[in-house]
N, C-alpha and C. Protein backbone atom coordinates (compact mmCIF):
# COMPACT_ATOMS: atom_id res chain seq x y z
N MET A 1 57.40 -87.35 229.47
CA MET A 1 57.19 -86.55 227.73
C MET A 1 56.32 -85.04 227.47
N LEU A 2 55.15 -85.17 228.32
CA LEU A 2 54.35 -84.31 228.53
C LEU A 2 54.98 -83.21 229.26
N LEU A 3 55.42 -83.38 229.91
CA LEU A 3 56.31 -82.28 230.75
C LEU A 3 57.55 -81.74 229.67
N ALA A 4 57.95 -82.36 229.04
CA ALA A 4 59.07 -81.87 228.10
C ALA A 4 58.74 -80.73 227.10
N ALA A 5 57.40 -81.50 226.53
CA ALA A 5 56.43 -80.99 225.53
C ALA A 5 56.18 -79.21 226.21
N ILE A 6 55.21 -79.24 227.48
CA ILE A 6 55.02 -77.89 228.04
C ILE A 6 56.15 -77.17 228.28
N SER A 7 57.42 -77.51 228.66
CA SER A 7 58.51 -77.04 228.61
C SER A 7 58.76 -76.06 227.70
N PHE A 8 58.78 -76.84 226.54
CA PHE A 8 59.46 -76.47 225.33
C PHE A 8 58.18 -75.43 224.44
N VAL A 9 57.17 -75.50 224.68
CA VAL A 9 55.87 -74.63 224.65
C VAL A 9 56.14 -73.65 225.53
N TRP A 10 56.50 -73.72 226.80
CA TRP A 10 56.74 -72.39 227.41
C TRP A 10 57.85 -71.84 227.14
N LEU A 11 59.10 -72.39 227.00
CA LEU A 11 60.25 -71.61 226.23
C LEU A 11 60.33 -71.13 224.92
N VAL A 12 59.38 -71.50 224.17
CA VAL A 12 58.85 -70.66 222.68
C VAL A 12 58.35 -69.58 222.85
N GLN A 13 57.48 -69.42 223.88
CA GLN A 13 56.45 -68.71 224.24
C GLN A 13 57.32 -67.45 225.05
N ASN A 14 57.93 -67.65 225.83
CA ASN A 14 58.69 -66.51 226.51
C ASN A 14 59.98 -66.05 225.73
N SER A 15 60.23 -66.99 224.71
CA SER A 15 61.29 -66.63 223.62
C SER A 15 60.57 -65.22 222.42
N TRP A 16 59.15 -65.57 222.44
CA TRP A 16 58.35 -64.79 221.35
C TRP A 16 58.21 -63.65 221.76
N PHE A 17 57.58 -63.69 223.12
CA PHE A 17 57.23 -62.14 224.39
C PHE A 17 58.65 -61.63 224.15
N THR A 18 59.86 -62.01 224.08
CA THR A 18 61.11 -61.35 224.49
C THR A 18 61.23 -60.69 223.35
N PHE A 19 61.60 -61.59 222.37
CA PHE A 19 61.65 -60.48 220.96
C PHE A 19 60.96 -59.40 220.57
N TYR A 20 59.58 -59.94 220.70
CA TYR A 20 58.76 -58.81 220.74
C TYR A 20 58.50 -57.51 221.45
N GLY A 21 59.16 -57.62 222.90
CA GLY A 21 59.28 -56.82 223.91
C GLY A 21 61.01 -55.93 223.48
N VAL A 22 61.95 -56.64 222.97
CA VAL A 22 62.76 -55.65 222.61
C VAL A 22 62.61 -55.19 221.35
N GLN A 23 62.09 -55.49 220.50
CA GLN A 23 61.46 -54.77 219.25
C GLN A 23 60.84 -53.55 219.73
N PHE A 24 59.94 -53.72 220.33
CA PHE A 24 58.81 -52.15 220.99
C PHE A 24 60.19 -51.71 221.55
N LEU A 25 60.88 -51.98 222.47
CA LEU A 25 61.60 -50.74 222.74
C LEU A 25 62.71 -50.18 222.02
N ALA A 26 63.24 -51.06 220.75
CA ALA A 26 63.76 -50.60 220.28
C ALA A 26 63.32 -49.24 219.22
N GLN A 27 61.90 -49.77 219.02
CA GLN A 27 61.04 -48.56 218.11
C GLN A 27 61.10 -47.43 218.88
N LEU A 28 60.69 -47.69 220.44
CA LEU A 28 60.36 -46.40 221.20
C LEU A 28 61.74 -45.81 221.46
N PHE A 29 63.20 -46.69 221.29
CA PHE A 29 64.16 -45.83 221.75
C PHE A 29 64.28 -45.38 220.41
N GLN A 30 64.40 -45.47 219.38
CA GLN A 30 64.41 -44.51 217.88
C GLN A 30 63.74 -43.34 217.79
N ALA A 31 62.36 -43.85 218.08
CA ALA A 31 61.47 -42.49 217.93
C ALA A 31 61.67 -41.79 218.82
N TYR A 32 62.46 -41.68 220.16
CA TYR A 32 62.81 -40.57 220.97
C TYR A 32 64.29 -39.79 220.26
N GLU A 33 64.95 -40.63 219.82
CA GLU A 33 66.53 -40.32 219.35
C GLU A 33 65.90 -39.30 218.00
N GLU A 34 64.89 -39.73 217.30
CA GLU A 34 64.54 -38.86 216.05
C GLU A 34 64.03 -37.39 216.88
N LEU A 35 63.07 -37.73 217.44
CA LEU A 35 62.32 -36.36 218.01
C LEU A 35 63.27 -35.25 218.98
N TYR A 36 63.74 -36.08 219.67
CA TYR A 36 64.56 -35.12 220.59
C TYR A 36 65.63 -33.96 220.27
N PRO A 37 65.85 -34.36 219.12
CA PRO A 37 66.92 -33.24 218.59
C PRO A 37 65.51 -31.66 218.25
N LYS A 38 64.75 -32.15 217.86
CA LYS A 38 63.63 -31.45 217.53
C LYS A 38 62.77 -30.47 218.59
N MET A 39 62.96 -31.00 219.91
CA MET A 39 61.96 -30.34 220.86
C MET A 39 62.10 -28.80 220.97
N ASP A 40 63.34 -28.57 220.87
CA ASP A 40 63.50 -27.29 221.50
C ASP A 40 62.70 -26.29 220.46
N MET A 41 62.58 -26.77 219.04
CA MET A 41 61.79 -26.10 217.99
C MET A 41 60.26 -26.26 218.13
N LEU A 42 60.08 -27.42 218.50
CA LEU A 42 58.75 -27.69 219.06
C LEU A 42 58.06 -26.65 220.29
N ALA A 43 59.10 -26.70 221.16
CA ALA A 43 58.76 -25.74 222.23
C ALA A 43 58.54 -24.25 222.01
N TYR A 44 59.41 -24.00 220.95
CA TYR A 44 59.20 -22.49 220.59
C TYR A 44 57.93 -22.44 219.88
N ARG A 45 57.82 -23.20 218.98
CA ARG A 45 56.12 -23.14 218.10
C ARG A 45 55.27 -22.99 219.03
N SER A 46 55.34 -24.13 220.05
CA SER A 46 53.78 -24.25 220.99
C SER A 46 53.92 -22.88 221.44
N LYS A 47 54.91 -22.45 222.02
CA LYS A 47 55.01 -20.95 222.78
C LYS A 47 54.38 -20.15 221.97
N ALA A 48 54.75 -20.35 221.18
CA ALA A 48 54.37 -19.03 220.01
C ALA A 48 52.90 -18.82 219.75
N ARG A 49 52.38 -20.24 219.39
CA ARG A 49 50.70 -20.56 219.64
C ARG A 49 50.62 -20.32 220.58
N PHE A 50 50.82 -20.59 221.25
CA PHE A 50 50.29 -20.07 222.81
C PHE A 50 49.71 -18.39 222.97
N ASN A 51 50.95 -17.94 222.63
CA ASN A 51 51.11 -16.24 223.25
C ASN A 51 49.55 -15.83 221.63
N MET A 52 50.04 -16.07 220.78
CA MET A 52 49.47 -16.10 219.65
C MET A 52 47.78 -16.23 220.07
N GLU A 53 47.28 -16.90 220.81
CA GLU A 53 46.01 -17.83 221.47
C GLU A 53 45.46 -16.53 222.24
N ASN A 54 46.26 -16.31 223.10
CA ASN A 54 46.45 -15.23 224.80
C ASN A 54 45.96 -13.79 224.35
N TYR A 55 46.91 -13.47 223.29
CA TYR A 55 46.82 -11.99 222.76
C TYR A 55 44.81 -11.98 221.71
N GLN A 56 44.68 -12.87 221.24
CA GLN A 56 43.21 -12.97 221.05
C GLN A 56 42.09 -12.75 222.09
N ILE A 57 42.25 -13.56 223.08
CA ILE A 57 41.50 -13.75 224.17
C ILE A 57 41.72 -12.15 224.90
N LEU A 58 42.65 -11.79 225.36
CA LEU A 58 42.95 -10.56 225.80
C LEU A 58 42.51 -9.33 225.25
N ASP A 59 42.97 -9.34 223.72
CA ASP A 59 42.49 -8.50 222.72
C ASP A 59 41.29 -7.84 222.96
N GLN A 60 39.87 -9.14 223.70
CA GLN A 60 38.95 -8.65 223.73
C GLN A 60 38.13 -7.95 225.03
N PHE A 61 39.40 -8.06 226.14
CA PHE A 61 39.02 -7.46 226.88
C PHE A 61 39.83 -6.07 227.08
N PHE A 62 40.80 -5.62 226.50
CA PHE A 62 41.44 -4.59 226.41
C PHE A 62 42.41 -4.45 225.55
N LYS A 63 42.68 -3.42 224.48
CA LYS A 63 43.57 -3.30 223.73
C LYS A 63 44.77 -3.46 224.12
N GLN A 64 45.47 -4.30 222.86
CA GLN A 64 46.76 -4.58 223.39
C GLN A 64 47.71 -3.72 222.33
N LYS A 65 49.21 -3.21 223.16
CA LYS A 65 49.92 -3.08 222.16
C LYS A 65 50.26 -3.74 220.84
N GLU A 66 50.54 -2.75 219.62
CA GLU A 66 51.01 -3.87 218.57
C GLU A 66 51.95 -3.92 218.32
N PHE A 67 52.71 -4.89 217.57
CA PHE A 67 53.95 -5.04 217.11
C PHE A 67 53.84 -5.53 215.88
N LYS A 68 55.29 -5.45 215.16
CA LYS A 68 55.38 -6.27 213.46
C LYS A 68 56.23 -7.36 213.61
N ALA A 69 57.25 -7.36 214.72
CA ALA A 69 58.30 -8.49 214.39
C ALA A 69 58.55 -9.21 215.99
N ILE A 70 58.87 -10.47 216.12
CA ILE A 70 59.39 -9.96 217.25
C ILE A 70 60.93 -10.99 216.68
N ALA A 71 61.92 -10.79 217.38
CA ALA A 71 63.11 -11.59 216.72
C ALA A 71 64.04 -12.45 218.18
N PHE A 72 64.17 -13.08 217.50
CA PHE A 72 64.90 -14.34 218.56
C PHE A 72 66.36 -14.67 218.41
N ALA A 73 67.31 -14.21 219.41
CA ALA A 73 68.75 -14.53 219.16
C ALA A 73 68.92 -15.44 220.41
N VAL A 74 69.75 -16.59 219.45
CA VAL A 74 70.30 -17.39 220.62
C VAL A 74 71.63 -17.19 220.98
N ASP A 75 72.22 -17.08 222.26
CA ASP A 75 73.45 -17.16 222.86
C ASP A 75 74.59 -18.44 222.51
N LYS A 76 75.35 -18.07 221.83
CA LYS A 76 76.54 -18.86 221.74
C LYS A 76 76.75 -19.93 222.61
N ASP A 77 76.82 -19.83 223.86
CA ASP A 77 76.86 -20.34 225.18
C ASP A 77 75.91 -21.51 224.98
N LEU A 78 74.82 -21.12 224.67
CA LEU A 78 73.68 -21.99 224.66
C LEU A 78 73.61 -23.10 223.67
N ARG A 79 73.99 -22.55 222.78
CA ARG A 79 74.05 -22.99 221.14
C ARG A 79 75.22 -24.55 221.99
N LYS A 80 76.38 -23.79 222.17
CA LYS A 80 77.60 -24.78 222.78
C LYS A 80 76.82 -26.24 223.75
N GLN A 81 76.19 -25.37 224.54
CA GLN A 81 75.44 -26.42 225.46
C GLN A 81 74.57 -27.51 224.69
N ARG A 82 73.75 -26.85 223.48
CA ARG A 82 72.32 -27.68 222.97
C ARG A 82 73.19 -29.02 222.44
N GLU A 83 74.61 -28.48 221.57
CA GLU A 83 75.37 -29.14 221.06
C GLU A 83 75.98 -30.52 221.66
N LYS A 84 76.43 -30.12 223.12
CA LYS A 84 76.70 -31.58 223.95
C LYS A 84 75.46 -32.28 225.00
N LYS A 85 74.37 -32.12 224.13
CA LYS A 85 73.47 -32.49 224.71
C LYS A 85 73.30 -34.01 224.27
N TYR A 86 72.43 -34.67 224.81
CA TYR A 86 72.17 -36.27 224.37
C TYR A 86 71.83 -36.46 223.07
N GLU A 87 72.37 -37.04 221.92
CA GLU A 87 71.63 -37.18 220.69
C GLU A 87 71.28 -38.33 220.34
N GLY A 88 71.78 -39.27 221.47
CA GLY A 88 71.18 -40.77 220.84
C GLY A 88 72.11 -41.77 220.80
N ILE A 89 72.14 -42.89 220.69
CA ILE A 89 73.07 -44.01 220.75
C ILE A 89 73.39 -43.77 219.17
N VAL A 90 72.54 -43.90 218.07
CA VAL A 90 73.32 -44.07 217.06
C VAL A 90 74.06 -42.97 216.11
N LYS A 91 73.79 -41.51 216.80
CA LYS A 91 74.48 -40.67 216.09
C LYS A 91 75.68 -40.31 216.96
N THR A 92 75.82 -40.94 218.30
CA THR A 92 77.08 -40.75 218.79
C THR A 92 77.79 -41.84 218.19
N GLN A 93 77.66 -43.09 218.32
CA GLN A 93 78.53 -44.14 217.44
C GLN A 93 78.92 -43.39 216.04
N GLN A 94 77.77 -43.20 215.62
CA GLN A 94 78.56 -42.90 213.88
C GLN A 94 79.60 -41.83 214.19
N LYS A 95 79.42 -40.62 214.96
CA LYS A 95 80.61 -39.85 215.30
C LYS A 95 81.78 -40.36 216.07
N PHE A 96 81.90 -41.28 216.71
CA PHE A 96 83.08 -41.92 216.97
C PHE A 96 83.62 -43.06 216.38
N PHE A 97 82.55 -44.08 215.85
CA PHE A 97 83.15 -45.27 215.21
C PHE A 97 82.80 -45.07 213.80
N GLY A 98 82.21 -43.96 213.17
CA GLY A 98 81.99 -43.92 211.66
C GLY A 98 82.93 -42.90 210.90
């Protein structure tokens, strides 16, 4: 009887940990799928901030060339490659099954 009770508690405990482990992985994958499409934009933003900080530091040592604007252009082939990248499980299923 005691062995059956211990086995039952062990089974319930492992089920509980498995459930929360799966929940954690689901939240992790969902966060990844939400942020992955924005990674290119965030990378450009961080590079721009880094350049702005570098110009301020370098300006202390020697005069920098002044510029008014920087224009970024994206090649159409790069845009097509970006569209073919991994979008996540949910968006892919919605494309093909939704």
